[in-house]
Amino acid sequence: MDNETQQDIPAEKARIRAVTPLSLCDWPGRSVSVVYLGGCNLRCPTCHNATLAFTPSLHPRLDTDAVLRALAARKRWLDGVVVCGGEPTLDPGLPALVDALHGLGLPVKVDTNGMLPEVVAAVRERSPGTLFAVDVKGPWEKYPVLTGGAATPAQARERLGSIFALAWASPQSFLFRITLVPGLGPEDVQTAREYLPSGFTLREQPYVQPARREESPYAPADTETRRLPGNLVPGTDRPSHTEGP
């Protein structure tokens, strides 16, 4: 293996559940790979990655070392890597993973709901070149409905307020977006837009009703592209894995 693909593997291994080798939608204007981490601290009823967010154990964990080597081998065709979920800031291995991805020479974007601003701050401090795409769900008073009762208006105001302070200090590191889910009207979007620090815009994402399946009321497709995430590296349950059956 050449030096380009030899990387120091982080001591804290992120719980990678899936990787999409190539996406043209997850970082506008870039061809990227998407790394999915499992789990979420919200329970949004409109979630498009519900199995990753709520039952990540249904997605066998991938080997971090192998994922990094595979991305290193493909980096000449990539303009960056997106880390999303679920909610990636829940994973204690996120800072080391982002640092390792930067070590490959690839720009990194982290998609987050902004409810763990201290983790965002820690990742940014360790890897200053990281871009954070933060979801603003809507007006504070609608957060209980929009998050399945997982966040109160006070929690949303406090935690997103901390994110806005980080963005004010480092405007090049943050962008904000809102998904036009059922129950949000133009006045709600305008209210959410007014929360942002001066100079920032709130990008609107259209909501597409997910296909319903008998075994789940949700569809596990990506929030922006409505597609199933594909594994770049097979899990141990797959016949092609060296430790598999």
Protein backbone atom coordinates (compact mmCIF):
# COMPACT_ATOMS: atom_id res chain seq x y z
CA MET A 1 0.00 0.00 0.00
CA ASP A 2 1.40 3.43 -0.88
CA ASN A 3 1.88 6.27 1.58
CA GLU A 4 -1.31 8.02 0.43
CA THR A 5 -3.45 5.23 1.84
CA GLN A 6 -1.43 4.69 5.03
CA GLN A 7 -3.28 6.58 7.75
CA ASP A 8 -3.10 6.64 11.53
CA ILE A 9 -6.36 5.01 12.62
CA PRO A 10 -7.99 6.92 15.49
CA ALA A 11 -7.96 5.26 18.90
CA GLU A 12 -11.67 6.04 19.37
CA LYS A 13 -13.47 4.19 16.62
CA ALA A 14 -16.65 5.78 15.30
CA ARG A 15 -19.60 3.44 14.94
CA ILE A 16 -19.92 3.62 11.17
CA ARG A 17 -23.08 1.88 9.99
CA ALA A 18 -23.02 2.56 6.25
CA VAL A 19 -21.14 4.45 3.55
CA THR A 20 -22.42 5.75 0.23
CA PRO A 21 -19.43 5.68 -2.15
CA LEU A 22 -20.58 8.59 -4.32
CA SER A 23 -23.27 11.24 -3.90
CA LEU A 24 -23.93 14.38 -5.92
CA CYS A 25 -26.67 15.66 -3.59
CA ASP A 26 -25.34 15.71 -0.04
CA TRP A 27 -22.94 18.62 -0.51
CA PRO A 28 -24.19 20.90 -3.30
CA GLY A 29 -21.59 21.37 -6.01
CA ARG A 30 -19.40 18.49 -4.81
CA SER A 31 -18.99 14.79 -5.50
CA VAL A 32 -18.71 13.18 -2.07
CA SER A 33 -18.83 9.97 -0.12
CA VAL A 34 -21.29 9.87 2.78
CA VAL A 35 -20.45 8.19 6.09
CA TYR A 36 -23.44 7.29 8.26
CA LEU A 37 -23.27 7.01 12.06
CA GLY A 38 -26.14 5.56 14.06
CA GLY A 39 -28.40 6.81 16.83
CA CYS A 40 -30.22 10.08 17.40
CA ASN A 41 -31.29 12.22 20.36
CA LEU A 42 -34.45 13.36 18.57
CA ARG A 43 -37.48 11.38 17.42
CA CYS A 44 -38.71 13.41 14.46
CA PRO A 45 -41.85 11.78 13.02
CA THR A 46 -40.77 12.83 9.51
CA CYS A 47 -37.32 11.18 9.75
CA HIS A 48 -36.06 9.62 6.52
CA ASN A 49 -33.22 7.72 8.19
CA ALA A 50 -35.35 6.17 10.91
CA THR A 51 -33.64 2.77 11.17
CA LEU A 52 -30.21 4.40 11.41
CA ALA A 53 -31.51 6.94 13.91
CA PHE A 54 -33.69 4.76 16.14
CA THR A 55 -32.45 1.18 15.68
CA PRO A 56 -28.84 1.46 14.49
CA SER A 57 -28.12 -2.12 15.54
CA LEU A 58 -30.07 -3.23 12.45
CA HIS A 59 -27.10 -1.92 10.43
CA PRO A 60 -23.96 -3.95 11.17
CA ARG A 61 -21.02 -1.81 12.23
CA LEU A 62 -18.34 -1.31 9.59
CA ASP A 63 -14.62 -1.47 10.20
CA THR A 64 -13.27 2.09 10.57
CA ASP A 65 -9.80 1.15 9.32
CA ALA A 66 -11.23 -0.40 6.17
CA VAL A 67 -13.52 2.58 5.52
CA LEU A 68 -10.61 5.02 5.78
CA ARG A 69 -8.46 2.91 3.47
CA ALA A 70 -11.28 2.65 0.93
CA LEU A 71 -11.86 6.41 1.00
CA ALA A 72 -8.13 7.04 0.63
CA ALA A 73 -8.07 4.82 -2.46
CA ARG A 74 -10.99 6.75 -3.99
CA LYS A 75 -10.09 10.29 -2.94
CA ARG A 76 -8.91 11.36 -6.39
CA TRP A 77 -12.56 11.18 -7.51
CA LEU A 78 -13.98 12.90 -4.44
CA ASP A 79 -14.46 16.54 -3.50
CA GLY A 80 -15.13 15.73 0.14
CA VAL A 81 -16.81 13.49 2.71
CA VAL A 82 -20.11 14.10 4.51
CA VAL A 83 -20.63 12.61 7.98
CA CYS A 84 -24.28 12.27 8.95
CA GLY A 85 -26.66 9.85 10.61
CA GLY A 86 -28.76 9.58 12.69
CA GLU A 87 -27.07 12.27 14.70
CA PRO A 88 -23.28 12.00 14.38
CA THR A 89 -22.47 14.18 17.41
CA LEU A 90 -23.73 11.35 19.66
CA ASP A 91 -20.81 9.16 18.60
CA PRO A 92 -17.76 9.58 20.89
CA GLY A 93 -15.54 8.66 17.93
CA LEU A 94 -16.71 11.59 15.79
CA PRO A 95 -13.83 14.01 16.55
CA ALA A 96 -11.21 11.37 15.75
CA LEU A 97 -13.07 10.28 12.62
CA VAL A 98 -13.31 13.84 11.27
CA ASP A 99 -9.64 14.37 12.05
CA ALA A 100 -8.73 11.18 10.18
CA LEU A 101 -10.82 12.21 7.16
CA HIS A 102 -9.04 15.56 7.04
CA GLY A 103 -5.82 13.57 7.23
CA LEU A 104 -6.76 12.03 3.89
CA GLY A 105 -6.73 15.51 2.39
CA LEU A 106 -10.52 15.59 1.94
CA PRO A 107 -12.85 18.44 2.96
CA VAL A 108 -15.39 17.30 5.57
CA LYS A 109 -18.98 18.37 6.24
CA VAL A 110 -20.85 17.21 9.34
CA ASP A 111 -24.66 17.24 9.27
CA THR A 112 -26.13 17.85 12.73
CA ASN A 113 -29.33 18.85 14.49
CA GLY A 114 -27.29 21.20 16.67
CA MET A 115 -28.55 19.82 19.97
CA LEU A 116 -25.04 19.02 21.22
CA PRO A 117 -23.17 22.30 20.68
CA GLU A 118 -20.31 21.26 22.96
CA VAL A 119 -19.49 18.38 20.60
CA VAL A 120 -19.65 20.67 17.58
CA ALA A 121 -17.25 23.03 19.35
CA ALA A 122 -14.88 20.16 20.18
CA VAL A 123 -14.85 18.88 16.60
CA ARG A 124 -14.27 22.37 15.24
CA GLU A 125 -11.42 22.99 17.68
CA ARG A 126 -9.73 19.74 16.69
CA SER A 127 -10.43 20.09 12.96
CA PRO A 128 -10.95 23.81 12.18
CA GLY A 129 -11.60 23.26 8.48
CA THR A 130 -14.79 21.28 9.09
CA LEU A 131 -18.08 22.61 7.71
CA PHE A 132 -21.20 22.07 9.84
CA ALA A 133 -24.63 21.91 8.22
CA VAL A 134 -27.10 22.56 11.03
CA ASP A 135 -30.80 21.76 10.86
CA VAL A 136 -33.15 24.39 12.26
CA LYS A 137 -36.39 22.45 12.64
CA GLY A 138 -38.69 25.46 12.92
CA PRO A 139 -39.91 27.93 15.56
CA TRP A 140 -38.90 27.05 19.09
CA GLU A 141 -42.49 26.47 20.19
CA LYS A 142 -42.92 23.78 17.52
CA TYR A 143 -39.84 21.76 18.51
CA PRO A 144 -41.81 19.32 20.72
CA VAL A 145 -44.02 18.36 17.77
CA LEU A 146 -41.24 18.43 15.19
CA THR A 147 -38.90 16.29 17.31
CA GLY A 148 -41.38 13.73 18.61
CA GLY A 149 -41.31 15.24 22.09
CA ALA A 150 -37.52 14.92 22.39
CA ALA A 151 -36.76 18.65 22.68
CA THR A 152 -38.53 21.43 24.54
CA PRO A 153 -38.69 25.01 23.26
CA ALA A 154 -36.25 26.05 26.00
CA GLN A 155 -33.76 23.32 25.07
CA ALA A 156 -33.94 24.20 21.40
CA ARG A 157 -33.45 27.90 22.09
CA GLU A 158 -30.50 27.32 24.41
CA ARG A 159 -28.65 24.73 22.33
CA LEU A 160 -29.19 26.28 18.92
CA GLY A 161 -28.32 29.61 20.50
CA SER A 162 -24.92 28.16 21.39
CA ILE A 163 -24.53 26.98 17.79
CA PHE A 164 -25.40 30.46 16.52
CA ALA A 165 -22.69 31.91 18.79
CA LEU A 166 -20.15 29.50 17.32
CA ALA A 167 -21.29 30.45 13.82
CA TRP A 168 -20.99 34.17 14.60
CA ALA A 169 -17.37 33.59 15.62
CA SER A 170 -16.58 31.36 12.59
CA PRO A 171 -19.05 32.14 9.79
CA GLN A 172 -17.10 30.14 7.21
CA SER A 173 -17.68 26.95 9.24
CA PHE A 174 -21.48 26.89 9.35
CA LEU A 175 -24.53 26.76 7.13
CA PHE A 176 -28.15 26.37 8.16
CA ARG A 177 -31.11 24.62 6.57
CA ILE A 178 -34.76 23.86 7.22
CA THR A 179 -36.85 21.03 5.79
CA LEU A 180 -40.37 22.02 4.79
CA VAL A 181 -42.12 19.20 6.64
CA PRO A 182 -45.90 19.04 7.07
CA GLY A 183 -47.05 21.52 9.69
CA LEU A 184 -44.53 24.22 8.78
CA GLY A 185 -45.89 27.25 6.99
CA PRO A 186 -44.16 30.27 5.43
CA GLU A 187 -44.53 32.21 8.68
CA ASP A 188 -42.76 29.42 10.58
CA VAL A 189 -39.87 29.46 8.13
CA GLN A 190 -39.59 33.22 8.47
CA THR A 191 -39.57 32.95 12.26
CA ALA A 192 -36.78 30.36 12.12
CA ARG A 193 -34.86 32.50 9.65
CA GLU A 194 -34.91 35.41 12.09
CA TYR A 195 -33.10 33.30 14.71
CA LEU A 196 -29.93 33.14 12.60
CA PRO A 197 -26.99 35.48 13.16
CA SER A 198 -26.69 38.40 10.77
CA GLY A 199 -25.26 37.44 7.39
CA PHE A 200 -26.48 33.83 7.38
CA THR A 201 -29.18 32.40 5.14
CA LEU A 202 -31.56 29.54 5.89
CA ARG A 203 -31.60 27.09 2.99
CA GLU A 204 -35.01 25.52 2.42
CA GLN A 205 -35.15 21.81 1.64
CA PRO A 206 -38.31 20.32 0.11
CA TYR A 207 -39.95 17.50 2.00
CA VAL A 208 -40.88 14.38 0.09
CA GLN A 209 -43.30 11.98 1.74
CA PRO A 210 -41.34 8.77 2.40
CA ALA A 211 -42.61 5.48 1.04
CA ARG A 212 -44.32 3.52 3.78
CA ARG A 213 -43.31 -0.05 4.52
CA GLU A 214 -45.25 -2.67 6.48
CA GLU A 215 -42.45 -3.28 8.97
CA SER A 216 -41.85 0.41 9.71
CA PRO A 217 -43.79 3.67 9.51
CA TYR A 218 -40.60 5.33 8.22
CA ALA A 219 -38.37 5.03 5.19
CA PRO A 220 -34.63 4.71 5.87
CA ALA A 221 -33.63 6.87 2.91
CA ASP A 222 -31.26 9.81 3.09
CA THR A 223 -32.91 13.08 4.10
CA GLU A 224 -31.93 14.92 0.93
CA THR A 225 -31.83 12.28 -1.78
CA ARG A 226 -34.49 9.81 -0.59
CA ARG A 227 -32.18 6.87 -1.32
CA LEU A 228 -31.00 3.94 0.72
CA PRO A 229 -27.46 4.30 2.03
CA GLY A 230 -25.13 1.70 0.52
CA ASN A 231 -22.24 -0.01 2.27
CA LEU A 232 -18.82 0.80 0.91
CA VAL A 233 -17.29 -1.81 3.21
CA PRO A 234 -19.25 -5.02 3.95
CA GLY A 235 -20.08 -5.83 7.53
CA THR A 236 -19.10 -9.06 9.23
CA ASP A 237 -22.53 -10.49 8.46
CA ARG A 238 -21.76 -10.37 4.74
CA PRO A 239 -20.15 -13.38 3.00
CA SER A 240 -17.50 -11.12 1.43
CA HIS A 241 -16.12 -10.01 4.80
CA THR A 242 -12.94 -11.72 5.93
CA GLU A 243 -14.53 -12.47 9.30
CA GLY A 244 -17.94 -13.23 7.89
CA PRO A 245 -19.71 -16.56 7.36
